[in-house]
C-alpha atoms as a PDB file:
ATOM      1  CA  UNK A   1      13.401  12.307  34.135  1.00  0.00           C
ATOM      2  CA  UNK A   2      11.404  11.628  30.937  1.00  0.00           C
ATOM      3  CA  UNK A   3      10.597   8.792  28.917  1.00  0.00           C
ATOM      4  CA  UNK A   4      12.307   8.588  27.327  1.00  0.00           C
ATOM      5  CA  UNK A   5      15.284   8.238  29.645  1.00  0.00           C
ATOM      6  CA  UNK A   6      13.716   6.321  31.893  1.00  0.00           C
ATOM      7  CA  UNK A   7      12.494   2.707  32.441  1.00  0.00           C
ATOM      8  CA  UNK A   8       8.935   3.604  31.075  1.00  0.00           C
ATOM      9  CA  UNK A   9       7.594   4.473  28.044  1.00  0.00           C
ATOM     10  CA  UNK A  10       3.756   4.853  27.130  1.00  0.00           C
ATOM     11  CA  UNK A  11       2.551   2.476  24.320  1.00  0.00           C
ATOM     12  CA  UNK A  12      -1.140   2.910  22.783  1.00  0.00           C
ATOM     13  CA  UNK A  13      -2.701   1.767  25.485  1.00  0.00           C
ATOM     14  CA  UNK A  14      -1.107   2.297  28.436  1.00  0.00           C
ATOM     15  CA  UNK A  15       3.020   1.781  29.264  1.00  0.00           C
ATOM     16  CA  UNK A  16       5.989  -0.822  29.021  1.00  0.00           C
ATOM     17  CA  UNK A  17       8.164  -0.763  32.229  1.00  0.00           C
ATOM     18  CA  UNK A  18      11.502  -2.536  32.760  1.00  0.00           C
ATOM     19  CA  UNK A  19      12.052  -3.746  35.736  1.00  0.00           C
ATOM     20  CA  UNK A  20      15.366  -5.430  37.086  1.00  0.00           C
ATOM     21  CA  UNK A  21      14.239  -7.914  39.637  1.00  0.00           C
ATOM     22  CA  UNK A  22      16.066  -9.267  43.165  1.00  0.00           C
ATOM     23  CA  UNK A  23      13.773 -12.666  44.268  1.00  0.00           C
ATOM     24  CA  UNK A  24      14.094 -13.643  47.188  1.00  0.00           C
ATOM     25  CA  UNK A  25      14.902 -10.724  48.697  1.00  0.00           C
ATOM     26  CA  UNK A  26      15.655 -10.472  52.703  1.00  0.00           C
ATOM     27  CA  UNK A  27      13.519  -7.095  52.422  1.00  0.00           C
ATOM     28  CA  UNK A  28      11.382  -6.350  49.418  1.00  0.00           C
ATOM     29  CA  UNK A  29      10.060  -3.312  47.738  1.00  0.00           C
ATOM     30  CA  UNK A  30      10.812  -0.377  44.965  1.00  0.00           C
ATOM     31  CA  UNK A  31      14.708   0.808  44.737  1.00  0.00           C
ATOM     32  CA  UNK A  32      14.450   3.425  42.288  1.00  0.00           C
ATOM     33  CA  UNK A  33      16.064   2.716  38.621  1.00  0.00           C
ATOM     34  CA  UNK A  34      19.237   1.606  38.231  1.00  0.00           C
ATOM     35  CA  UNK A  35      21.411   0.669  34.992  1.00  0.00           C
ATOM     36  CA  UNK A  36      20.022  -2.601  33.223  1.00  0.00           C
ATOM     37  CA  UNK A  37      21.917  -4.134  30.853  1.00  0.00           C
ATOM     38  CA  UNK A  38      18.950  -2.897  28.409  1.00  0.00           C
ATOM     39  CA  UNK A  39      19.042   0.643  29.602  1.00  0.00           C
ATOM     40  CA  UNK A  40      17.530   2.019  32.805  1.00  0.00           C
ATOM     41  CA  UNK A  41      15.145  -0.218  35.035  1.00  0.00           C
ATOM     42  CA  UNK A  42      12.872   0.452  37.729  1.00  0.00           C
ATOM     43  CA  UNK A  43      14.990  -1.958  40.623  1.00  0.00           C
ATOM     44  CA  UNK A  44      12.152  -4.264  42.684  1.00  0.00           C
ATOM     45  CA  UNK A  45      13.026  -6.354  45.383  1.00  0.00           C
ATOM     46  CA  UNK A  46      10.126  -9.418  46.369  1.00  0.00           C
ATOM     47  CA  UNK A  47      11.009 -12.358  48.858  1.00  0.00           C
ATOM     48  CA  UNK A  48       9.655 -14.776  46.392  1.00  0.00           C
ATOM     49  CA  UNK A  49      11.861 -17.336  45.279  1.00  0.00           C
ATOM     50  CA  UNK A  50      13.117 -17.604  41.296  1.00  0.00           C
ATOM     51  CA  UNK A  51      11.781 -20.559  40.801  1.00  0.00           C
ATOM     52  CA  UNK A  52       8.115 -21.442  38.641  1.00  0.00           C
ATOM     53  CA  UNK A  53       6.745 -18.275  38.111  1.00  0.00           C
ATOM     54  CA  UNK A  54       6.469 -16.784  41.964  1.00  0.00           C
ATOM     55  CA  UNK A  55       8.843 -13.732  41.281  1.00  0.00           C
ATOM     56  CA  UNK A  56       7.478 -12.946  38.442  1.00  0.00           C
ATOM     57  CA  UNK A  57       4.207 -13.171  39.953  1.00  0.00           C
ATOM     58  CA  UNK A  58       5.256 -11.589  42.726  1.00  0.00           C
ATOM     59  CA  UNK A  59       6.859  -8.674  40.739  1.00  0.00           C
ATOM     60  CA  UNK A  60       3.381  -8.391  38.531  1.00  0.00           C
ATOM     61  CA  UNK A  61       1.275  -8.239  42.299  1.00  0.00           C
ATOM     62  CA  UNK A  62       3.966  -5.545  43.042  1.00  0.00           C
ATOM     63  CA  UNK A  63       3.876  -3.403  40.378  1.00  0.00           C
ATOM     64  CA  UNK A  64       0.152  -3.320  39.982  1.00  0.00           C
ATOM     65  CA  UNK A  65      -0.273  -2.100  43.742  1.00  0.00           C
ATOM     66  CA  UNK A  66       2.475   0.611  43.317  1.00  0.00           C
ATOM     67  CA  UNK A  67       0.401   2.348  39.967  1.00  0.00           C
ATOM     68  CA  UNK A  68      -2.957   1.380  41.315  1.00  0.00           C
ATOM     69  CA  UNK A  69      -4.217  -1.035  38.332  1.00  0.00           C
ATOM     70  CA  UNK A  70      -5.278  -4.434  38.829  1.00  0.00           C
ATOM     71  CA  UNK A  71      -2.982  -6.938  38.963  1.00  0.00           C
ATOM     72  CA  UNK A  72      -5.030  -8.150  35.518  1.00  0.00           C
ATOM     73  CA  UNK A  73      -3.775  -5.145  33.860  1.00  0.00           C
ATOM     74  CA  UNK A  74      -0.042  -6.079  34.159  1.00  0.00           C
ATOM     75  CA  UNK A  75       1.278  -8.628  32.141  1.00  0.00           C
ATOM     76  CA  UNK A  76       4.671  -9.986  31.803  1.00  0.00           C
ATOM     77  CA  UNK A  77       5.859  -9.148  28.126  1.00  0.00           C
ATOM     78  CA  UNK A  78       9.621 -10.188  28.202  1.00  0.00           C
ATOM     79  CA  UNK A  79      12.168 -11.531  30.253  1.00  0.00           C
ATOM     80  CA  UNK A  80      10.733 -14.504  31.572  1.00  0.00           C
ATOM     81  CA  UNK A  81      13.897 -16.289  32.774  1.00  0.00           C
ATOM     82  CA  UNK A  82      16.244 -13.503  33.196  1.00  0.00           C
ATOM     83  CA  UNK A  83      15.916 -10.963  36.274  1.00  0.00           C
ATOM     84  CA  UNK A  84      15.277  -7.721  33.588  1.00  0.00           C
ATOM     85  CA  UNK A  85      12.069  -8.063  32.389  1.00  0.00           C
ATOM     86  CA  UNK A  86       8.947  -6.220  30.375  1.00  0.00           C
ATOM     87  CA  UNK A  87       5.909  -5.363  32.130  1.00  0.00           C
ATOM     88  CA  UNK A  88       3.344  -4.160  30.010  1.00  0.00           C
ATOM     89  CA  UNK A  89       0.839  -1.730  32.160  1.00  0.00           C
ATOM     90  CA  UNK A  90      -2.719  -0.868  30.788  1.00  0.00           C
ATOM     91  CA  UNK A  91      -4.402   1.799  31.553  1.00  0.00           C
ATOM     92  CA  UNK A  92      -4.011   5.875  30.929  1.00  0.00           C
ATOM     93  CA  UNK A  93      -1.057   6.697  30.486  1.00  0.00           C
ATOM     94  CA  UNK A  94      -0.568   9.865  31.847  1.00  0.00           C
ATOM     95  CA  UNK A  95      -2.067   8.966  35.512  1.00  0.00           C
ATOM     96  CA  UNK A  96       0.702   5.526  35.065  1.00  0.00           C
ATOM     97  CA  UNK A  97       3.745   7.972  34.047  1.00  0.00           C
ATOM     98  CA  UNK A  98       2.604  10.085  37.258  1.00  0.00           C
ATOM     99  CA  UNK A  99       3.112   7.072  40.046  1.00  0.00           C
ATOM    100  CA  UNK A 100       6.068   5.245  37.900  1.00  0.00           C
ATOM    101  CA  UNK A 101       7.642   8.619  38.840  1.00  0.00           C
ATOM    102  CA  UNK A 102       6.935   8.580  41.732  1.00  0.00           C
ATOM    103  CA  UNK A 103       8.226   4.930  42.196  1.00  0.00           C
ATOM    104  CA  UNK A 104      11.552   6.110  40.320  1.00  0.00           C
ATOM    105  CA  UNK A 105      12.657   7.989  43.619  1.00  0.00           C
ATOM    106  CA  UNK A 106      12.829   5.164  45.189  1.00  0.00           C
ATOM    107  CA  UNK A 107       9.741   4.875  47.244  1.00  0.00           C
ATOM    108  CA  UNK A 108       9.882   1.996  49.453  1.00  0.00           C
END
């Protein structure tokens, strides 16, 4: 799957990832690619509740850990109050793409 059909797009200094977040989940982890309102999205379940930004922060941390970047390299770019979110991840696009391809397979 190339980035045009995927849940992410390369940008100048990294990638932008569309995530469909399930807060307050019993089991946390990535669930592959799912259909989102605005196109394909990377499914991510977190245990944190959807209150006071807790789920957004948990998603940011999980994405950073999975992509091997510092949490400060991941910024919420849109969708703070929606289940479907855009995260901007700073780093080498080629390296991030390889890790995203692995996540898209649904590895928990």
